[in-house]
Amino acid sequence: MIAGWRERAIFLVATVAACAGTARLGVWQLDRAAQKQAIADAIRTRSTQPPLPQAELARDAAAAVGQHYRPVVVSGRWLAARTVFLDNRQMDGRPGFFVLTPLELAPGDAVLVQRGWLPRNFQDRTQLPALPTPEGAVRLFGRIAPPPSSLLGFSEGERGPIRQNLVLDDFSREIGIRLRPLSIQQLDEPSAPAEPLQRRWSQPVLDTGKHHGYAFQWFALSALIAGFYVWFQILRPRRGGR
């Protein structure tokens, strides 16, 4: 009798834990969907706002998040010698480089600009494409964005013009200039001269429906576990005892 109660108690605890765990995973998926929906709403709202003045460009990470996806107009001087080519980046399904160059806004103050995409030389991977960079003061129109995303890398502390990834804080220390905690994706302007750089930047993939589907699966599994317990531990023994 005692052994039977002990087994039933263990089975009950395991069932409750399994139901709670799968239900919690369902709630987590709903939270992920809500987070992505908030990002989508922010992109839609901020992209229609007037360009952010350069003087209001964020200086700390918390303020930078609130400015992501806003248009911006900045002026400064290209630090062409610090240009980095991020390898294995795609635009329109073609592999190539994302070209990143710091723009000095004032002495000791710069922002990383994602200037555009260039194709890679497949015969000689180390050969860099020609990239004219104006000297002196320039003005550009762009969109505030997070720093470039990282890909799977096999080395840390990369140096040189061609890299797999770029960590903003590390790069700031490397060049000895304080970089703002964000980047600017440069956009084409109708009046600007033609450039080889392509700037058809993709928007973040925000598939909220996928998370709702996962949430339904986890909640269904939780209900199924509870149903099995009720059937095998309560209803079936009673039916068999008649």
Protein backbone atom coordinates (compact mmCIF):
# COMPACT_ATOMS: atom_id res chain seq x y z
CA MET A 1 0.00 0.00 0.00
CA ILE A 2 2.75 2.46 0.99
CA ALA A 3 4.79 1.54 -2.10
CA GLY A 4 1.74 2.12 -4.31
CA TRP A 5 1.11 5.58 -2.81
CA ARG A 6 4.77 6.43 -3.20
CA GLU A 7 4.75 5.50 -6.89
CA ARG A 8 1.58 7.51 -7.49
CA ALA A 9 3.07 10.52 -5.67
CA ILE A 10 6.24 10.35 -7.78
CA PHE A 11 4.19 10.06 -10.96
CA LEU A 12 2.05 13.04 -9.90
CA VAL A 13 5.11 15.21 -9.17
CA ALA A 14 6.69 14.25 -12.50
CA THR A 15 3.47 15.06 -14.35
CA VAL A 16 3.09 18.44 -12.68
CA ALA A 17 6.74 19.28 -13.43
CA ALA A 18 6.37 18.26 -17.07
CA CYS A 19 3.14 20.25 -17.49
CA ALA A 20 4.66 23.30 -15.83
CA GLY A 21 7.85 23.08 -17.88
CA THR A 22 6.11 22.78 -21.25
CA ALA A 23 3.62 25.51 -20.34
CA ARG A 24 6.52 27.78 -19.35
CA LEU A 25 8.14 27.16 -22.73
CA GLY A 26 4.86 28.16 -24.37
CA VAL A 27 4.80 31.41 -22.39
CA TRP A 28 8.43 32.04 -23.37
CA GLN A 29 7.53 31.69 -27.06
CA LEU A 30 4.69 34.18 -26.62
CA ASP A 31 7.16 36.58 -24.97
CA ARG A 32 9.51 36.19 -27.94
CA ALA A 33 6.66 36.94 -30.33
CA ALA A 34 5.77 40.06 -28.33
CA GLN A 35 9.41 41.23 -28.37
CA LYS A 36 9.66 40.82 -32.13
CA GLN A 37 6.33 42.55 -32.64
CA ALA A 38 7.63 45.48 -30.58
CA ILE A 39 10.71 45.65 -32.82
CA ALA A 40 8.53 45.59 -35.94
CA ASP A 41 6.37 48.39 -34.54
CA ALA A 42 9.49 50.41 -33.69
CA ILE A 43 10.91 49.96 -37.20
CA ARG A 44 7.64 51.05 -38.77
CA THR A 45 7.24 54.08 -36.48
CA ARG A 46 10.83 55.31 -36.38
CA SER A 47 11.46 54.91 -40.11
CA THR A 48 8.80 57.55 -40.81
CA GLN A 49 10.20 60.10 -38.35
CA PRO A 50 12.26 63.07 -39.56
CA PRO A 51 16.05 62.60 -39.64
CA LEU A 52 17.69 62.72 -36.24
CA PRO A 53 20.03 65.71 -35.84
CA GLN A 54 23.67 64.79 -35.43
CA ALA A 55 23.82 66.56 -32.06
CA GLU A 56 21.26 64.09 -30.67
CA LEU A 57 23.11 60.94 -31.76
CA ALA A 58 23.32 58.58 -28.77
CA ARG A 59 26.48 58.41 -26.68
CA ASP A 60 25.48 55.42 -24.50
CA ALA A 61 24.09 51.98 -25.28
CA ALA A 62 20.71 52.50 -23.61
CA ALA A 63 19.99 55.65 -25.61
CA ALA A 64 21.24 53.99 -28.80
CA VAL A 65 18.60 51.25 -28.61
CA GLY A 66 15.89 53.91 -28.61
CA GLN A 67 17.30 55.40 -31.82
CA HIS A 68 17.67 52.22 -33.88
CA TYR A 69 16.02 52.39 -37.34
CA ARG A 70 15.64 56.20 -37.29
CA PRO A 71 16.89 58.16 -40.29
CA VAL A 72 19.84 60.43 -39.57
CA VAL A 73 22.00 62.99 -41.33
CA VAL A 74 25.63 63.33 -40.20
CA SER A 75 28.68 65.24 -41.33
CA GLY A 76 32.32 64.45 -40.72
CA ARG A 77 35.54 63.14 -42.19
CA TRP A 78 36.16 59.60 -43.36
CA LEU A 79 38.93 57.70 -41.57
CA ALA A 80 39.67 55.80 -44.76
CA ALA A 81 42.77 54.07 -43.40
CA ARG A 82 40.54 52.33 -40.82
CA THR A 83 38.20 50.79 -43.38
CA VAL A 84 37.25 47.16 -42.71
CA PHE A 85 35.78 44.67 -45.18
CA LEU A 86 33.50 42.16 -43.44
CA ASP A 87 33.73 38.90 -45.37
CA ASN A 88 30.98 36.38 -46.19
CA ARG A 89 28.19 38.98 -46.19
CA GLN A 90 25.34 38.72 -48.64
CA MET A 91 23.19 41.18 -50.53
CA ASP A 92 20.49 39.92 -52.89
CA GLY A 93 21.83 36.41 -52.31
CA ARG A 94 25.36 37.23 -53.54
CA PRO A 95 28.39 36.80 -51.23
CA GLY A 96 30.80 39.66 -50.78
CA PHE A 97 31.93 42.32 -48.33
CA PHE A 98 30.17 44.80 -46.09
CA VAL A 99 32.35 47.92 -46.14
CA LEU A 100 32.72 49.65 -42.77
CA THR A 101 34.49 52.98 -42.29
CA PRO A 102 34.54 55.19 -39.19
CA LEU A 103 33.30 58.73 -39.77
CA GLU A 104 34.98 61.24 -37.48
CA LEU A 105 32.32 63.65 -36.23
CA ALA A 106 34.76 65.66 -34.13
CA PRO A 107 38.29 65.06 -32.80
CA GLY A 108 38.19 61.87 -30.73
CA ASP A 109 34.52 61.20 -31.58
CA ALA A 110 33.43 58.91 -34.43
CA VAL A 111 30.61 56.65 -35.59
CA LEU A 112 30.95 53.42 -37.56
CA VAL A 113 29.25 53.65 -40.96
CA GLN A 114 28.12 50.60 -42.90
CA ARG A 115 28.81 52.13 -46.28
CA GLY A 116 27.44 49.35 -48.46
CA TRP A 117 28.21 46.01 -50.12
CA LEU A 118 30.84 45.08 -52.69
CA PRO A 119 31.39 41.76 -54.52
CA ARG A 120 34.37 39.60 -53.70
CA ASN A 121 37.06 38.44 -56.08
CA PHE A 122 36.64 34.65 -56.08
CA GLN A 123 39.99 34.03 -57.82
CA ASP A 124 41.92 35.99 -55.20
CA ARG A 125 40.14 36.30 -51.88
CA THR A 126 42.72 38.75 -50.54
CA GLN A 127 42.25 41.22 -53.38
CA LEU A 128 40.18 44.15 -52.21
CA PRO A 129 37.76 45.92 -54.54
CA ALA A 130 38.47 49.52 -55.54
CA LEU A 131 36.74 51.90 -53.19
CA PRO A 132 36.95 55.65 -53.76
CA THR A 133 36.68 57.51 -50.45
CA PRO A 134 36.31 61.31 -50.54
CA GLU A 135 38.74 63.38 -48.51
CA GLY A 136 37.68 66.31 -46.40
CA ALA A 137 34.25 67.01 -44.98
CA VAL A 138 31.37 64.84 -46.19
CA ARG A 139 27.67 64.73 -45.45
CA LEU A 140 25.68 61.51 -45.60
CA PHE A 141 22.15 60.28 -45.08
CA GLY A 142 21.52 56.96 -43.40
CA ARG A 143 19.62 54.85 -40.93
CA ILE A 144 20.71 54.19 -37.36
CA ALA A 145 21.26 50.48 -36.78
CA PRO A 146 22.85 48.13 -34.27
CA PRO A 147 26.52 47.27 -34.88
CA PRO A 148 27.03 44.66 -37.63
CA SER A 149 25.90 41.18 -36.60
CA SER A 150 28.52 38.52 -35.96
CA LEU A 151 28.98 35.31 -37.91
CA LEU A 152 30.58 32.11 -36.69
CA GLY A 153 34.27 32.84 -36.40
CA PHE A 154 37.29 30.63 -35.72
CA SER A 155 39.57 33.34 -34.37
CA GLU A 156 39.38 36.23 -31.96
CA GLY A 157 41.06 39.59 -32.06
CA GLU A 158 41.04 39.81 -35.84
CA ARG A 159 43.21 42.46 -37.48
CA GLY A 160 43.71 43.66 -41.01
CA PRO A 161 41.29 45.03 -43.59
CA ILE A 162 39.46 41.71 -44.22
CA ARG A 163 37.67 40.24 -41.20
CA GLN A 164 34.86 37.90 -40.40
CA ASN A 165 33.48 39.99 -37.54
CA LEU A 166 33.99 43.34 -35.87
CA VAL A 167 33.31 44.02 -32.19
CA LEU A 168 32.63 47.72 -31.73
CA ASP A 169 34.38 48.17 -28.36
CA ASP A 170 37.45 46.24 -29.50
CA PHE A 171 37.63 48.19 -32.74
CA SER A 172 37.33 51.46 -30.84
CA ARG A 173 40.34 50.53 -28.70
CA GLU A 174 42.23 49.36 -31.78
CA ILE A 175 41.91 52.67 -33.63
CA GLY A 176 42.21 54.78 -30.48
CA ILE A 177 39.02 56.75 -31.10
CA ARG A 178 35.76 56.59 -29.17
CA LEU A 179 32.99 55.15 -31.32
CA ARG A 180 29.32 55.78 -30.68
CA PRO A 181 27.50 52.60 -29.45
CA LEU A 182 25.67 52.11 -32.75
CA SER A 183 26.28 52.15 -36.47
CA ILE A 184 24.79 53.99 -39.43
CA GLN A 185 23.69 52.15 -42.56
CA GLN A 186 24.35 54.63 -45.33
CA LEU A 187 21.49 55.07 -47.80
CA ASP A 188 21.51 56.26 -51.39
CA GLU A 189 20.55 59.85 -52.10
CA PRO A 190 19.05 60.79 -55.48
CA SER A 191 21.36 63.78 -55.90
CA ALA A 192 24.54 61.92 -54.91
CA PRO A 193 27.00 60.72 -57.60
CA ALA A 194 26.87 57.05 -58.54
CA GLU A 195 28.98 54.66 -56.44
CA PRO A 196 29.94 50.99 -56.80
CA LEU A 197 28.58 50.29 -53.32
CA GLN A 198 25.18 48.62 -53.14
CA ARG A 199 22.88 49.64 -50.29
CA ARG A 200 19.80 47.44 -50.46
CA TRP A 201 19.94 46.72 -46.73
CA SER A 202 17.67 43.96 -45.51
CA GLN A 203 15.30 44.48 -42.60
CA PRO A 204 15.44 42.19 -39.55
CA VAL A 205 13.47 38.96 -40.05
CA LEU A 206 10.63 39.15 -37.54
CA ASP A 207 8.48 36.05 -37.96
CA THR A 208 6.09 36.32 -35.01
CA GLY A 209 3.82 33.64 -36.45
CA LYS A 210 6.57 31.05 -35.97
CA HIS A 211 6.69 31.77 -32.24
CA HIS A 212 2.90 31.58 -31.93
CA GLY A 213 3.05 28.18 -33.62
CA TYR A 214 5.73 26.96 -31.22
CA ALA A 215 3.72 28.27 -28.28
CA PHE A 216 0.66 26.31 -29.43
CA GLN A 217 2.75 23.14 -29.67
CA TRP A 218 4.13 23.54 -26.14
CA PHE A 219 0.70 24.28 -24.67
CA ALA A 220 -0.77 21.31 -26.55
CA LEU A 221 1.98 19.05 -25.18
CA SER A 222 1.28 20.31 -21.66
CA ALA A 223 -2.42 19.54 -22.07
CA LEU A 224 -1.63 16.11 -23.53
CA ILE A 225 0.57 15.20 -20.54
CA ALA A 226 -2.18 16.30 -18.15
CA GLY A 227 -4.73 14.31 -20.14
CA PHE A 228 -2.64 11.15 -20.03
CA TYR A 229 -2.31 11.49 -16.26
CA VAL A 230 -6.03 11.94 -15.77
CA TRP A 231 -6.83 8.97 -18.01
CA PHE A 232 -4.24 6.46 -16.75
CA GLN A 233 -4.18 7.46 -13.06
CA ILE A 234 -7.80 8.43 -12.39
CA LEU A 235 -10.37 7.51 -15.05
CA ARG A 236 -9.02 4.17 -16.24
CA PRO A 237 -8.50 2.66 -12.73
CA ARG A 238 -12.05 3.66 -11.80
CA ARG A 239 -13.49 2.13 -14.98
CA GLY A 240 -11.51 -1.05 -14.38
CA GLY A 241 -12.71 -1.29 -10.80
CA ARG A 242 -16.39 -1.46 -11.69
